[in-house]
Amino acid sequence: MGITAAVRAIVALIILVVLAGAGWWITGLRADLAVRENNERQLAEAIRQQQEAMRQLQQEQARIAQANAELNGVIRMQNRDLDDMKTRFNTTAKGEPRNFGATAAARPQSAERAVNRGTVNAYRCMEIASGAPLTDAEKAATKPEEINRECPSLANPAYKPGAGR
């Protein structure tokens, strides 16, 4: 019976070691699980932050595209005004070719008035382009005789060529 008691003690010791090892292993698993859960929460938060950043970038891109489209529209209108100014001295109001030098020689006072009016208008265009606010008259101008002919798209936003004639 001495051997069976020793075998029982050894078996009990083995069972005790196995149970202690299993407890230690389960405790390690729980710690690993807690670390993984924490990592998962951090990853979910990082994903949420990235999605928010992407949404903000998309909104910013949309605003930039809109501003770009508006700017391109202004550039088109100003290019039209510039093209109009390039031909102003060489064409009549009806669009027929003319020699401004010959016209100025034949009617100097008329040419002087036209050049002076154009100069005043061009200076006003520069003021507006530099940030000066539009006057109420400039904002309300809709007829050809009311507009600044040097830069109507800049100085007279309500004016639409061909309308009000």
N, C-alpha and C. Protein backbone atom coordinates (compact mmCIF):
# COMPACT_ATOMS: atom_id res chain seq x y z
N MET A 1 0.80 -1.18 0.00
CA MET A 1 0.00 0.00 0.00
C MET A 1 0.84 1.25 0.00
N GLY A 2 2.05 1.15 0.23
CA GLY A 2 2.93 2.30 0.23
C GLY A 2 3.12 2.87 -1.15
N ILE A 3 3.07 1.99 -2.12
CA ILE A 3 3.27 2.44 -3.51
C ILE A 3 2.02 3.14 -3.99
N THR A 4 0.88 2.64 -3.69
CA THR A 4 -0.34 3.27 -4.15
C THR A 4 -0.51 4.66 -3.54
N ALA A 5 -0.08 4.83 -2.32
CA ALA A 5 -0.15 6.15 -1.72
C ALA A 5 0.81 7.08 -2.43
N ALA A 6 1.98 6.58 -2.81
CA ALA A 6 2.95 7.39 -3.54
C ALA A 6 2.42 7.71 -4.93
N VAL A 7 1.78 6.72 -5.57
CA VAL A 7 1.20 6.93 -6.91
C VAL A 7 0.08 7.95 -6.81
N ARG A 8 -0.73 7.81 -5.76
CA ARG A 8 -1.83 8.77 -5.58
C ARG A 8 -1.27 10.18 -5.36
N ALA A 9 -0.23 10.29 -4.60
CA ALA A 9 0.38 11.59 -4.34
C ALA A 9 0.96 12.16 -5.63
N ILE A 10 1.60 11.31 -6.42
CA ILE A 10 2.17 11.76 -7.70
C ILE A 10 1.04 12.17 -8.65
N VAL A 11 0.00 11.38 -8.73
CA VAL A 11 -1.14 11.70 -9.61
C VAL A 11 -1.78 12.99 -9.13
N ALA A 12 -1.95 13.15 -7.82
CA ALA A 12 -2.54 14.37 -7.28
C ALA A 12 -1.65 15.57 -7.59
N LEU A 13 -0.33 15.36 -7.48
CA LEU A 13 0.61 16.43 -7.79
C LEU A 13 0.55 16.79 -9.28
N ILE A 14 0.46 15.76 -10.14
CA ILE A 14 0.36 15.99 -11.59
C ILE A 14 -0.92 16.76 -11.89
N ILE A 15 -2.04 16.33 -11.26
CA ILE A 15 -3.31 17.02 -11.48
C ILE A 15 -3.21 18.46 -11.01
N LEU A 16 -2.58 18.68 -9.88
CA LEU A 16 -2.42 20.03 -9.33
C LEU A 16 -1.56 20.89 -10.26
N VAL A 17 -0.47 20.31 -10.80
CA VAL A 17 0.40 21.05 -11.74
C VAL A 17 -0.37 21.36 -13.02
N VAL A 18 -1.14 20.35 -13.52
CA VAL A 18 -1.93 20.56 -14.74
C VAL A 18 -2.96 21.67 -14.51
N LEU A 19 -3.66 21.65 -13.38
CA LEU A 19 -4.65 22.68 -13.09
C LEU A 19 -4.00 24.06 -12.94
N ALA A 20 -2.85 24.11 -12.27
CA ALA A 20 -2.14 25.39 -12.13
C ALA A 20 -1.69 25.89 -13.49
N GLY A 21 -1.18 25.00 -14.34
CA GLY A 21 -0.75 25.38 -15.69
C GLY A 21 -1.93 25.87 -16.53
N ALA A 22 -3.07 25.15 -16.41
CA ALA A 22 -4.27 25.56 -17.15
C ALA A 22 -4.75 26.93 -16.66
N GLY A 23 -4.70 27.17 -15.36
CA GLY A 23 -5.10 28.47 -14.82
C GLY A 23 -4.19 29.58 -15.32
N TRP A 24 -2.89 29.29 -15.31
CA TRP A 24 -1.92 30.28 -15.80
C TRP A 24 -2.14 30.55 -17.29
N TRP A 25 -2.40 29.50 -18.06
CA TRP A 25 -2.62 29.63 -19.51
C TRP A 25 -3.90 30.44 -19.77
N ILE A 26 -4.97 30.16 -19.04
CA ILE A 26 -6.24 30.89 -19.21
C ILE A 26 -6.06 32.36 -18.83
N THR A 27 -5.31 32.64 -17.79
CA THR A 27 -5.03 34.02 -17.39
C THR A 27 -4.28 34.74 -18.51
N GLY A 28 -3.33 34.08 -19.13
CA GLY A 28 -2.60 34.65 -20.27
C GLY A 28 -3.53 34.91 -21.45
N LEU A 29 -4.44 33.98 -21.71
CA LEU A 29 -5.42 34.17 -22.80
C LEU A 29 -6.30 35.38 -22.53
N ARG A 30 -6.72 35.53 -21.29
CA ARG A 30 -7.57 36.68 -20.94
C ARG A 30 -6.80 38.00 -21.12
N ALA A 31 -5.54 37.99 -20.74
CA ALA A 31 -4.73 39.20 -20.92
C ALA A 31 -4.56 39.51 -22.41
N ASP A 32 -4.29 38.48 -23.20
CA ASP A 32 -4.17 38.67 -24.67
C ASP A 32 -5.48 39.18 -25.26
N LEU A 33 -6.59 38.63 -24.78
CA LEU A 33 -7.90 39.05 -25.26
C LEU A 33 -8.16 40.51 -24.92
N ALA A 34 -7.79 40.94 -23.71
CA ALA A 34 -7.98 42.34 -23.31
C ALA A 34 -7.13 43.26 -24.18
N VAL A 35 -5.90 42.85 -24.47
CA VAL A 35 -5.03 43.66 -25.34
C VAL A 35 -5.64 43.75 -26.74
N ARG A 36 -6.12 42.63 -27.25
CA ARG A 36 -6.72 42.62 -28.60
C ARG A 36 -8.00 43.46 -28.64
N GLU A 37 -8.81 43.40 -27.61
CA GLU A 37 -10.03 44.23 -27.56
C GLU A 37 -9.66 45.71 -27.54
N ASN A 38 -8.64 46.07 -26.78
CA ASN A 38 -8.18 47.45 -26.74
C ASN A 38 -7.66 47.88 -28.12
N ASN A 39 -6.88 47.01 -28.75
CA ASN A 39 -6.37 47.30 -30.10
C ASN A 39 -7.52 47.47 -31.09
N GLU A 40 -8.54 46.64 -30.95
CA GLU A 40 -9.70 46.73 -31.85
C GLU A 40 -10.43 48.06 -31.67
N ARG A 41 -10.59 48.49 -30.42
CA ARG A 41 -11.23 49.80 -30.16
C ARG A 41 -10.41 50.93 -30.75
N GLN A 42 -9.09 50.86 -30.57
CA GLN A 42 -8.22 51.90 -31.13
C GLN A 42 -8.28 51.90 -32.66
N LEU A 43 -8.31 50.71 -33.25
CA LEU A 43 -8.40 50.61 -34.71
C LEU A 43 -9.73 51.17 -35.21
N ALA A 44 -10.81 50.84 -34.51
CA ALA A 44 -12.13 51.37 -34.90
C ALA A 44 -12.14 52.89 -34.81
N GLU A 45 -11.54 53.45 -33.77
CA GLU A 45 -11.47 54.91 -33.62
C GLU A 45 -10.61 55.52 -34.73
N ALA A 46 -9.50 54.88 -35.05
CA ALA A 46 -8.64 55.38 -36.13
C ALA A 46 -9.37 55.35 -37.47
N ILE A 47 -10.14 54.29 -37.70
CA ILE A 47 -10.93 54.20 -38.94
C ILE A 47 -11.96 55.31 -38.98
N ARG A 48 -12.64 55.55 -37.86
CA ARG A 48 -13.64 56.63 -37.81
C ARG A 48 -13.00 57.98 -38.09
N GLN A 49 -11.83 58.23 -37.50
CA GLN A 49 -11.13 59.49 -37.73
C GLN A 49 -10.71 59.63 -39.18
N GLN A 50 -10.24 58.55 -39.78
CA GLN A 50 -9.83 58.58 -41.19
C GLN A 50 -11.04 58.85 -42.09
N GLN A 51 -12.17 58.22 -41.79
CA GLN A 51 -13.38 58.46 -42.58
C GLN A 51 -13.82 59.91 -42.47
N GLU A 52 -13.74 60.48 -41.27
CA GLU A 52 -14.10 61.89 -41.07
C GLU A 52 -13.14 62.79 -41.85
N ALA A 53 -11.86 62.46 -41.81
CA ALA A 53 -10.87 63.26 -42.56
C ALA A 53 -11.14 63.16 -44.06
N MET A 54 -11.49 61.99 -44.54
CA MET A 54 -11.79 61.83 -45.97
C MET A 54 -13.04 62.62 -46.35
N ARG A 55 -14.04 62.59 -45.48
CA ARG A 55 -15.27 63.36 -45.74
C ARG A 55 -14.95 64.86 -45.82
N GLN A 56 -14.13 65.34 -44.88
CA GLN A 56 -13.75 66.75 -44.91
C GLN A 56 -12.95 67.08 -46.16
N LEU A 57 -12.06 66.19 -46.57
CA LEU A 57 -11.28 66.42 -47.80
C LEU A 57 -12.20 66.49 -49.02
N GLN A 58 -13.18 65.61 -49.07
CA GLN A 58 -14.12 65.62 -50.20
C GLN A 58 -14.92 66.92 -50.22
N GLN A 59 -15.34 67.40 -49.05
CA GLN A 59 -16.07 68.67 -48.99
C GLN A 59 -15.16 69.81 -49.44
N GLU A 60 -13.92 69.78 -49.00
CA GLU A 60 -12.98 70.83 -49.39
C GLU A 60 -12.72 70.79 -50.90
N GLN A 61 -12.60 69.60 -51.46
CA GLN A 61 -12.40 69.48 -52.90
C GLN A 61 -13.60 70.03 -53.65
N ALA A 62 -14.80 69.77 -53.15
CA ALA A 62 -16.01 70.30 -53.80
C ALA A 62 -16.02 71.82 -53.74
N ARG A 63 -15.63 72.40 -52.59
CA ARG A 63 -15.58 73.87 -52.48
C ARG A 63 -14.52 74.44 -53.43
N ILE A 64 -13.39 73.78 -53.53
CA ILE A 64 -12.33 74.25 -54.43
C ILE A 64 -12.79 74.17 -55.87
N ALA A 65 -13.46 73.08 -56.24
CA ALA A 65 -13.96 72.94 -57.61
C ALA A 65 -14.99 74.02 -57.92
N GLN A 66 -15.86 74.33 -56.96
CA GLN A 66 -16.85 75.38 -57.16
C GLN A 66 -16.17 76.74 -57.33
N ALA A 67 -15.21 77.04 -56.46
CA ALA A 67 -14.48 78.31 -56.56
C ALA A 67 -13.73 78.39 -57.88
N ASN A 68 -13.17 77.28 -58.30
CA ASN A 68 -12.45 77.23 -59.57
C ASN A 68 -13.39 77.51 -60.74
N ALA A 69 -14.57 76.90 -60.71
CA ALA A 69 -15.55 77.13 -61.78
C ALA A 69 -15.98 78.60 -61.81
N GLU A 70 -16.20 79.19 -60.63
CA GLU A 70 -16.59 80.60 -60.57
C GLU A 70 -15.46 81.48 -61.11
N LEU A 71 -14.24 81.17 -60.72
CA LEU A 71 -13.09 81.93 -61.18
C LEU A 71 -12.93 81.82 -62.70
N ASN A 72 -13.12 80.62 -63.23
CA ASN A 72 -13.04 80.44 -64.68
C ASN A 72 -14.11 81.25 -65.40
N GLY A 73 -15.30 81.35 -64.81
CA GLY A 73 -16.36 82.17 -65.40
C GLY A 73 -15.97 83.64 -65.43
N VAL A 74 -15.38 84.12 -64.34
CA VAL A 74 -14.93 85.51 -64.28
C VAL A 74 -13.83 85.74 -65.32
N ILE A 75 -12.92 84.80 -65.44
CA ILE A 75 -11.83 84.93 -66.42
C ILE A 75 -12.40 84.97 -67.83
N ARG A 76 -13.39 84.13 -68.12
CA ARG A 76 -14.01 84.16 -69.47
C ARG A 76 -14.64 85.53 -69.75
N MET A 77 -15.37 86.07 -68.75
CA MET A 77 -16.00 87.38 -68.95
C MET A 77 -14.94 88.46 -69.14
N GLN A 78 -13.88 88.41 -68.37
CA GLN A 78 -12.85 89.42 -68.50
C GLN A 78 -12.10 89.29 -69.83
N ASN A 79 -11.92 88.08 -70.30
CA ASN A 79 -11.31 87.89 -71.62
C ASN A 79 -12.20 88.46 -72.72
N ARG A 80 -13.51 88.30 -72.58
CA ARG A 80 -14.44 88.91 -73.54
C ARG A 80 -14.29 90.42 -73.53
N ASP A 81 -14.23 90.99 -72.31
CA ASP A 81 -14.05 92.44 -72.19
C ASP A 81 -12.72 92.87 -72.82
N LEU A 82 -11.68 92.11 -72.60
CA LEU A 82 -10.36 92.43 -73.17
C LEU A 82 -10.40 92.37 -74.69
N ASP A 83 -11.03 91.34 -75.23
CA ASP A 83 -11.15 91.24 -76.69
C ASP A 83 -11.93 92.42 -77.24
N ASP A 84 -12.97 92.83 -76.52
CA ASP A 84 -13.77 93.99 -76.94
C ASP A 84 -12.91 95.25 -76.94
N MET A 85 -12.07 95.41 -75.91
CA MET A 85 -11.20 96.59 -75.85
C MET A 85 -10.18 96.59 -76.97
N LYS A 86 -9.68 95.42 -77.35
CA LYS A 86 -8.68 95.34 -78.41
C LYS A 86 -9.22 95.84 -79.75
N THR A 87 -10.51 95.62 -79.96
CA THR A 87 -11.09 96.03 -81.25
C THR A 87 -11.80 97.38 -81.18
N ARG A 88 -11.89 97.98 -80.01
CA ARG A 88 -12.66 99.20 -79.83
C ARG A 88 -12.24 100.34 -80.75
N PHE A 89 -10.95 100.59 -80.89
CA PHE A 89 -10.50 101.72 -81.70
C PHE A 89 -10.58 101.43 -83.19
N ASN A 90 -10.62 100.19 -83.57
CA ASN A 90 -10.58 99.87 -84.99
C ASN A 90 -11.93 99.48 -85.58
N THR A 91 -12.99 99.52 -84.78
CA THR A 91 -14.33 99.21 -85.30
C THR A 91 -15.32 100.24 -84.78
N THR A 92 -16.36 100.45 -85.55
CA THR A 92 -17.42 101.37 -85.14
C THR A 92 -18.38 100.63 -84.22
N ALA A 93 -19.35 101.37 -83.68
CA ALA A 93 -20.35 100.76 -82.80
C ALA A 93 -21.16 99.71 -83.56
N LYS A 94 -21.24 99.85 -84.88
CA LYS A 94 -21.97 98.87 -85.70
C LYS A 94 -21.10 97.68 -86.08
N GLY A 95 -19.83 97.71 -85.67
CA GLY A 95 -18.94 96.60 -85.97
C GLY A 95 -18.19 96.74 -87.28
N GLU A 96 -18.29 97.90 -87.92
CA GLU A 96 -17.60 98.12 -89.20
C GLU A 96 -16.18 98.61 -88.93
N PRO A 97 -15.24 98.28 -89.80
CA PRO A 97 -13.85 98.73 -89.58
C PRO A 97 -13.73 100.25 -89.71
N ARG A 98 -12.82 100.83 -88.96
CA ARG A 98 -12.56 102.26 -89.07
C ARG A 98 -11.10 102.53 -88.75
N ASN A 99 -10.66 103.70 -89.14
CA ASN A 99 -9.31 104.17 -88.86
C ASN A 99 -9.45 105.24 -87.79
N PHE A 100 -9.12 104.90 -86.54
CA PHE A 100 -9.32 105.83 -85.44
C PHE A 100 -8.44 107.07 -85.60
N GLY A 101 -7.26 106.90 -86.14
CA GLY A 101 -6.37 108.04 -86.37
C GLY A 101 -7.02 109.05 -87.30
N ALA A 102 -7.61 108.58 -88.38
CA ALA A 102 -8.28 109.48 -89.33
C ALA A 102 -9.49 110.13 -88.67
N THR A 103 -10.23 109.37 -87.88
CA THR A 103 -11.40 109.91 -87.19
C THR A 103 -10.97 110.98 -86.19
N ALA A 104 -9.89 110.72 -85.43
CA ALA A 104 -9.39 111.69 -84.45
C ALA A 104 -8.90 112.96 -85.13
N ALA A 105 -8.27 112.82 -86.30
CA ALA A 105 -7.79 114.00 -87.03
C ALA A 105 -8.96 114.82 -87.54
N ALA A 106 -10.03 114.15 -87.97
CA ALA A 106 -11.19 114.86 -88.52
C ALA A 106 -12.03 115.49 -87.40
N ARG A 107 -12.16 114.82 -86.25
CA ARG A 107 -12.99 115.34 -85.15
C ARG A 107 -12.23 115.20 -83.84
N PRO A 108 -11.26 116.07 -83.58
CA PRO A 108 -10.40 115.92 -82.40
C PRO A 108 -11.16 116.02 -81.07
N GLN A 109 -12.16 116.93 -80.96
CA GLN A 109 -12.87 117.06 -79.70
C GLN A 109 -13.67 115.79 -79.39
N SER A 110 -14.28 115.22 -80.38
CA SER A 110 -15.05 113.99 -80.19
C SER A 110 -14.13 112.85 -79.77
N ALA A 111 -12.97 112.74 -80.42
CA ALA A 111 -12.00 111.70 -80.08
C ALA A 111 -11.46 111.92 -78.67
N GLU A 112 -11.21 113.17 -78.30
CA GLU A 112 -10.71 113.48 -76.96
C GLU A 112 -11.72 113.08 -75.90
N ARG A 113 -13.02 113.41 -76.12
CA ARG A 113 -14.07 113.03 -75.17
C ARG A 113 -14.13 111.50 -75.02
N ALA A 114 -14.06 110.81 -76.15
CA ALA A 114 -14.12 109.34 -76.12
C ALA A 114 -12.93 108.76 -75.36
N VAL A 115 -11.74 109.28 -75.61
CA VAL A 115 -10.54 108.78 -74.94
C VAL A 115 -10.59 109.12 -73.45
N ASN A 116 -11.02 110.34 -73.11
CA ASN A 116 -11.11 110.72 -71.70
C ASN A 116 -12.13 109.87 -70.95
N ARG A 117 -13.30 109.63 -71.57
CA ARG A 117 -14.32 108.79 -70.95
C ARG A 117 -13.79 107.36 -70.77
N GLY A 118 -13.10 106.86 -71.78
CA GLY A 118 -12.52 105.53 -71.70
C GLY A 118 -11.46 105.44 -70.61
N THR A 119 -10.67 106.51 -70.46
CA THR A 119 -9.63 106.52 -69.43
C THR A 119 -10.25 106.50 -68.03
N VAL A 120 -11.30 107.33 -67.83
CA VAL A 120 -11.99 107.34 -66.53
C VAL A 120 -12.57 105.96 -66.24
N ASN A 121 -13.19 105.36 -67.24
CA ASN A 121 -13.77 104.02 -67.06
C ASN A 121 -12.68 102.99 -66.76
N ALA A 122 -11.55 103.07 -67.46
CA ALA A 122 -10.45 102.11 -67.25
C ALA A 122 -9.89 102.25 -65.83
N TYR A 123 -9.76 103.49 -65.34
CA TYR A 123 -9.30 103.69 -63.97
C TYR A 123 -10.28 103.07 -62.98
N ARG A 124 -11.57 103.24 -63.24
CA ARG A 124 -12.59 102.66 -62.35
C ARG A 124 -12.48 101.13 -62.38
N CYS A 125 -12.21 100.57 -63.54
CA CYS A 125 -12.03 99.11 -63.65
C CYS A 125 -10.87 98.66 -62.77
N MET A 126 -9.78 99.43 -62.78
CA MET A 126 -8.62 99.09 -61.97
C MET A 126 -8.97 99.17 -60.47
N GLU A 127 -9.76 100.20 -60.10
CA GLU A 127 -10.18 100.32 -58.70
C GLU A 127 -10.99 99.10 -58.27
N ILE A 128 -11.94 98.71 -59.11
CA ILE A 128 -12.80 97.57 -58.78
C ILE A 128 -11.97 96.29 -58.71
N ALA A 129 -11.08 96.11 -59.67
CA ALA A 129 -10.23 94.91 -59.68
C ALA A 129 -9.31 94.87 -58.47
N SER A 130 -9.01 96.04 -57.90
CA SER A 130 -8.15 96.12 -56.71
C SER A 130 -8.94 95.98 -55.42
N GLY A 131 -10.26 95.81 -55.51
CA GLY A 131 -11.05 95.57 -54.31
C GLY A 131 -12.04 96.65 -53.95
N ALA A 132 -12.12 97.73 -54.73
CA ALA A 132 -13.09 98.79 -54.40
C ALA A 132 -14.51 98.24 -54.57
N PRO A 133 -15.42 98.62 -53.67
CA PRO A 133 -16.80 98.13 -53.80
C PRO A 133 -17.52 98.80 -54.97
N LEU A 134 -18.49 98.09 -55.52
CA LEU A 134 -19.30 98.65 -56.60
C LEU A 134 -20.27 99.69 -56.03
N THR A 135 -20.54 100.72 -56.82
CA THR A 135 -21.54 101.71 -56.41
C THR A 135 -22.92 101.13 -56.70
N ASP A 136 -23.95 101.75 -56.13
CA ASP A 136 -25.32 101.29 -56.39
C ASP A 136 -25.65 101.43 -57.88
N ALA A 137 -25.18 102.51 -58.50
CA ALA A 137 -25.44 102.73 -59.93
C ALA A 137 -24.78 101.64 -60.76
N GLU A 138 -23.57 101.26 -60.40
CA GLU A 138 -22.87 100.19 -61.14
C GLU A 138 -23.60 98.86 -60.99
N LYS A 139 -24.07 98.58 -59.77
CA LYS A 139 -24.79 97.32 -59.53
C LYS A 139 -26.10 97.27 -60.30
N ALA A 140 -26.76 98.43 -60.44
CA ALA A 140 -28.08 98.47 -61.06
C ALA A 140 -28.05 98.66 -62.57
N ALA A 141 -26.90 98.97 -63.15
CA ALA A 141 -26.82 99.26 -64.59
C ALA A 141 -27.24 98.05 -65.42
N THR A 142 -28.22 98.26 -66.31
CA THR A 142 -28.68 97.18 -67.18
C THR A 142 -28.73 97.60 -68.65
N LYS A 143 -28.63 98.90 -68.91
CA LYS A 143 -28.71 99.41 -70.28
C LYS A 143 -27.32 99.79 -70.77
N PRO A 144 -27.07 99.69 -72.07
CA PRO A 144 -25.74 100.00 -72.60
C PRO A 144 -25.24 101.40 -72.23
N GLU A 145 -26.13 102.39 -72.16
CA GLU A 145 -25.69 103.75 -71.83
C GLU A 145 -25.37 103.91 -70.35
N GLU A 146 -25.73 102.94 -69.51
CA GLU A 146 -25.46 103.02 -68.07
C GLU A 146 -24.18 102.29 -67.65
N ILE A 147 -23.64 101.47 -68.51
CA ILE A 147 -22.54 100.59 -68.10
C ILE A 147 -21.17 101.23 -68.28
N ASN A 148 -20.20 100.65 -67.62
CA ASN A 148 -18.80 100.98 -67.84
C ASN A 148 -18.37 100.12 -69.02
N ARG A 149 -18.15 100.72 -70.17
CA ARG A 149 -17.88 99.96 -71.39
C ARG A 149 -16.51 99.31 -71.41
N GLU A 150 -15.64 99.70 -70.50
CA GLU A 150 -14.30 99.12 -70.49
C GLU A 150 -14.28 97.75 -69.80
N CYS A 151 -15.14 97.56 -68.82
CA CYS A 151 -15.17 96.27 -68.11
C CYS A 151 -16.58 96.00 -67.58
N PRO A 152 -17.56 95.82 -68.46
CA PRO A 152 -18.94 95.65 -67.99
C PRO A 152 -19.13 94.42 -67.11
N SER A 153 -18.42 93.34 -67.39
CA SER A 153 -18.62 92.14 -66.57
C SER A 153 -18.10 92.33 -65.16
N LEU A 154 -17.14 93.20 -64.99
CA LEU A 154 -16.56 93.46 -63.66
C LEU A 154 -17.34 94.57 -62.95
N ALA A 155 -17.66 95.65 -63.67
CA ALA A 155 -18.27 96.83 -63.05
C ALA A 155 -19.79 96.78 -63.01
N ASN A 156 -20.40 95.99 -63.87
CA ASN A 156 -21.86 96.00 -63.97
C ASN A 156 -22.41 94.57 -64.02
N PRO A 157 -22.48 93.90 -62.88
CA PRO A 157 -22.89 92.49 -62.85
C PRO A 157 -24.32 92.24 -63.33
N ALA A 158 -25.20 93.24 -63.25
CA ALA A 158 -26.58 93.05 -63.70
C ALA A 158 -26.75 93.21 -65.20
N TYR A 159 -25.72 93.75 -65.87
CA TYR A 159 -25.81 93.99 -67.31
C TYR A 159 -25.65 92.71 -68.09
N LYS A 160 -26.58 92.45 -68.99
CA LYS A 160 -26.51 91.32 -69.91
C LYS A 160 -26.53 91.87 -71.32
N PRO A 161 -25.43 91.69 -72.08
CA PRO A 161 -25.40 92.22 -73.44
C PRO A 161 -26.59 91.74 -74.25
N GLY A 162 -27.20 92.67 -74.97
CA GLY A 162 -28.34 92.33 -75.79
C GLY A 162 -29.67 92.53 -75.08
N ALA A 163 -29.67 92.55 -73.75
CA ALA A 163 -30.90 92.76 -72.98
C ALA A 163 -31.06 94.26 -72.73
N GLY A 164 -32.27 94.72 -72.67
CA GLY A 164 -32.54 96.12 -72.33
C GLY A 164 -32.29 97.07 -73.45
N ARG A 165 -32.08 96.60 -74.66
CA ARG A 165 -31.86 97.51 -75.80
C ARG A 165 -33.14 97.85 -76.47
